[in-house]
Structure formats: structure tokens, C-alpha cells
C-alpha atoms as a PDB file:
ATOM      1  CA  MET A   1     -32.442 -13.358  -7.335  1.00  0.00           C
ATOM      2  CA  LYS A   2     -31.671 -16.446  -5.282  1.00  0.00           C
ATOM      3  CA  ALA A   3     -30.452 -19.458  -7.230  1.00  0.00           C
ATOM      4  CA  ASP A   4     -32.639 -22.544  -7.503  1.00  0.00           C
ATOM      5  CA  VAL A   5     -30.328 -25.067  -5.839  1.00  0.00           C
ATOM      6  CA  ASP A   6     -30.630 -28.852  -6.005  1.00  0.00           C
ATOM      7  CA  PRO A   7     -31.379 -30.137  -2.469  1.00  0.00           C
ATOM      8  CA  ARG A   8     -28.568 -32.715  -2.886  1.00  0.00           C
ATOM      9  CA  LEU A   9     -26.071 -29.893  -3.473  1.00  0.00           C
ATOM     10  CA  GLU A  10     -27.408 -27.928  -0.501  1.00  0.00           C
ATOM     11  CA  GLN A  11     -26.967 -31.040   1.642  1.00  0.00           C
ATOM     12  CA  GLN A  12     -23.410 -31.639   0.392  1.00  0.00           C
ATOM     13  CA  ILE A  13     -22.438 -28.031   1.158  1.00  0.00           C
ATOM     14  CA  ALA A  14     -24.084 -28.143   4.594  1.00  0.00           C
ATOM     15  CA  GLN A  15     -22.287 -31.374   5.522  1.00  0.00           C
ATOM     16  CA  ALA A  16     -18.894 -30.298   4.181  1.00  0.00           C
ATOM     17  CA  ALA A  17     -16.342 -28.351   6.143  1.00  0.00           C
ATOM     18  CA  ASP A  18     -15.401 -25.074   4.420  1.00  0.00           C
ATOM     19  CA  GLY A  19     -12.268 -26.651   2.901  1.00  0.00           C
ATOM     20  CA  ASP A  20     -13.911 -29.894   1.762  1.00  0.00           C
ATOM     21  CA  GLU A  21     -14.440 -30.132  -1.989  1.00  0.00           C
ATOM     22  CA  VAL A  22     -17.870 -30.070  -3.590  1.00  0.00           C
ATOM     23  CA  GLU A  23     -18.739 -30.541  -7.274  1.00  0.00           C
ATOM     24  CA  ALA A  24     -21.502 -28.497  -8.854  1.00  0.00           C
ATOM     25  CA  MET A  25     -22.978 -27.649 -12.231  1.00  0.00           C
ATOM     26  CA  LEU A  26     -24.038 -23.997 -12.318  1.00  0.00           C
ATOM     27  CA  LEU A  27     -26.357 -22.332 -14.831  1.00  0.00           C
ATOM     28  CA  LEU A  28     -25.758 -18.596 -15.085  1.00  0.00           C
ATOM     29  CA  GLN A  29     -28.432 -15.899 -15.220  1.00  0.00           C
ATOM     30  CA  ASP A  30     -29.143 -14.622 -18.725  1.00  0.00           C
ATOM     31  CA  GLY A  31     -28.581 -11.072 -17.515  1.00  0.00           C
ATOM     32  CA  ALA A  32     -25.391 -11.828 -15.564  1.00  0.00           C
ATOM     33  CA  PRO A  33     -22.693  -9.166 -15.948  1.00  0.00           C
ATOM     34  CA  GLY A  34     -20.691  -9.970 -19.068  1.00  0.00           C
ATOM     35  CA  ALA A  35     -23.227 -12.590 -20.099  1.00  0.00           C
ATOM     36  CA  GLY A  36     -21.636 -14.873 -22.618  1.00  0.00           C
ATOM     37  CA  PRO A  37     -18.551 -17.049 -22.528  1.00  0.00           C
ATOM     38  CA  GLU A  38     -16.724 -14.605 -20.234  1.00  0.00           C
ATOM     39  CA  ALA A  39     -19.472 -14.514 -17.592  1.00  0.00           C
ATOM     40  CA  ALA A  40     -18.420 -17.732 -15.837  1.00  0.00           C
ATOM     41  CA  GLU A  41     -14.756 -16.798 -15.905  1.00  0.00           C
ATOM     42  CA  GLY A  42     -15.474 -13.345 -14.475  1.00  0.00           C
ATOM     43  CA  LEU A  43     -17.658 -14.728 -11.702  1.00  0.00           C
ATOM     44  CA  ILE A  44     -15.143 -17.394 -10.715  1.00  0.00           C
ATOM     45  CA  ASP A  45     -12.230 -14.926 -10.828  1.00  0.00           C
ATOM     46  CA  ARG A  46     -14.094 -12.385  -8.695  1.00  0.00           C
ATOM     47  CA  VAL A  47     -15.146 -14.927  -6.051  1.00  0.00           C
ATOM     48  CA  SER A  48     -11.655 -16.490  -6.063  1.00  0.00           C
ATOM     49  CA  ARG A  49     -10.093 -13.085  -5.363  1.00  0.00           C
ATOM     50  CA  GLU A  50     -12.561 -12.398  -2.544  1.00  0.00           C
ATOM     51  CA  LEU A  51     -11.852 -15.745  -0.869  1.00  0.00           C
ATOM     52  CA  LYS A  52      -8.174 -15.961  -1.869  1.00  0.00           C
ATOM     53  CA  GLU A  53      -8.614 -19.470  -3.235  1.00  0.00           C
ATOM     54  CA  ARG A  54      -9.109 -21.048  -6.653  1.00  0.00           C
ATOM     55  CA  PRO A  55     -11.363 -23.963  -7.585  1.00  0.00           C
ATOM     56  CA  ALA A  56      -9.621 -27.297  -8.102  1.00  0.00           C
ATOM     57  CA  ARG A  57     -11.303 -27.690 -11.478  1.00  0.00           C
ATOM     58  CA  VAL A  58     -13.483 -25.635 -13.797  1.00  0.00           C
ATOM     59  CA  ARG A  59     -15.100 -26.627 -17.063  1.00  0.00           C
ATOM     60  CA  ARG A  60     -17.080 -24.099 -19.064  1.00  0.00           C
ATOM     61  CA  PHE A  61     -20.036 -24.822 -21.341  1.00  0.00           C
ATOM     62  CA  PRO A  62     -20.449 -21.402 -22.991  1.00  0.00           C
ATOM     63  CA  ARG A  63     -23.231 -22.348 -25.402  1.00  0.00           C
ATOM     64  CA  LEU A  64     -25.289 -23.574 -22.450  1.00  0.00           C
ATOM     65  CA  GLY A  65     -24.421 -20.703 -20.105  1.00  0.00           C
ATOM     66  CA  ALA A  66     -23.169 -23.314 -17.664  1.00  0.00           C
ATOM     67  CA  VAL A  67     -20.027 -24.097 -15.729  1.00  0.00           C
ATOM     68  CA  TYR A  68     -18.853 -27.153 -13.777  1.00  0.00           C
ATOM     69  CA  VAL A  69     -16.920 -26.284 -10.624  1.00  0.00           C
ATOM     70  CA  LYS A  70     -15.019 -28.501  -8.219  1.00  0.00           C
ATOM     71  CA  GLY A  71     -13.872 -26.473  -5.253  1.00  0.00           C
ATOM     72  CA  SER A  72     -14.215 -25.886  -1.560  1.00  0.00           C
ATOM     73  CA  ALA A  73     -17.693 -25.811  -0.067  1.00  0.00           C
ATOM     74  CA  ARG A  74     -16.992 -22.200   0.903  1.00  0.00           C
ATOM     75  CA  LEU A  75     -16.195 -21.248  -2.700  1.00  0.00           C
ATOM     76  CA  VAL A  76     -19.236 -23.025  -4.168  1.00  0.00           C
ATOM     77  CA  ARG A  77     -21.473 -21.458  -1.499  1.00  0.00           C
ATOM     78  CA  ARG A  78     -20.176 -17.986  -2.395  1.00  0.00           C
ATOM     79  CA  LEU A  79     -20.760 -18.623  -6.117  1.00  0.00           C
ATOM     80  CA  LEU A  80     -24.373 -19.559  -5.339  1.00  0.00           C
ATOM     81  CA  GLU A  81     -24.794 -16.378  -3.268  1.00  0.00           C
ATOM     82  CA  SER A  82     -23.480 -14.138  -6.080  1.00  0.00           C
ATOM     83  CA  GLY A  83     -26.872 -13.487  -7.660  1.00  0.00           C
ATOM     84  CA  GLU A  84     -25.433 -14.476 -11.060  1.00  0.00           C
ATOM     85  CA  VAL A  85     -26.380 -18.168 -10.851  1.00  0.00           C
ATOM     86  CA  SER A  86     -29.938 -19.088 -11.808  1.00  0.00           C
ATOM     87  CA  SER A  87     -29.767 -22.762 -10.826  1.00  0.00           C
ATOM     88  CA  ALA A  88     -27.283 -25.306  -9.563  1.00  0.00           C
ATOM     89  CA  SER A  89     -27.111 -29.062  -9.310  1.00  0.00           C
ATOM     90  CA  ALA A  90     -24.903 -31.539  -7.498  1.00  0.00           C
ATOM     91  CA  ASN A  91     -22.532 -33.334  -9.828  1.00  0.00           C
ATOM     92  CA  ASP A  92     -23.143 -36.835  -8.599  1.00  0.00           C
ATOM     93  CA  ALA A  93     -24.920 -38.339 -11.572  1.00  0.00           C
ATOM     94  CA  GLN A  94     -24.210 -41.968 -12.313  1.00  0.00           C
ATOM     95  CA  VAL A  95     -23.586 -42.996 -15.898  1.00  0.00           C
ATOM     96  CA  THR A  96     -24.976 -46.349 -16.931  1.00  0.00           C
ATOM     97  CA  ALA A  97     -24.706 -48.292 -20.164  1.00  0.00           C
ATOM     98  CA  GLY A  98     -27.820 -48.457 -22.324  1.00  0.00           C
ATOM     99  CA  ALA A  99     -29.621 -51.715 -22.835  1.00  0.00           C
END
């Protein structure tokens, strides 16, 4: 199943060179291999081995089935193509103080 990808993230990946960094929040499929806290780690490890590169930063949200990744556009693109990500969003949200 193809991931539902935020158009802003698609645009960032398309405009980035393979080595340029992109930040993304990924939600994993419920049925992803090893679903649970280890699913994100397994996916990232597998893709990192394939590409021979590691993300610059990873933050896992196991109770949400989500992971934040900062890495090359090539790495993020491959994660999205894995079939284990249900949706993804660009991590460019602005935080503002409440009134």
C-alpha cells in the first residue's frame, strides 16, 4: 500500500538533492512487520543498511506508531516506498504562543 504523503513533504523531497536533509513524521502501518515499538527501528535499520547511510536524527513515538526522521532525501524517499508507512507529513510546523 502506498503511503499517504503530505504534498509539502513530496515537494521538499522533489526539490532536495539526494544528500540534502529532509525532516518527516511517519506513521507506520498497523500490520507492519514487527508492529510495535520495534517496527520503526527495524524499518530504519533495514533501509539504512540498503543505502549505507544513517539518518541524522530519529525520535520514536511508540504509543502512536510514529517516528520522526531527519535524514537525506534519498533515505526518507526509501522509507516512504517501503510499504510499511501509512502516512507521512513534513516537519515544518510553526509553534506559536496561545493568546
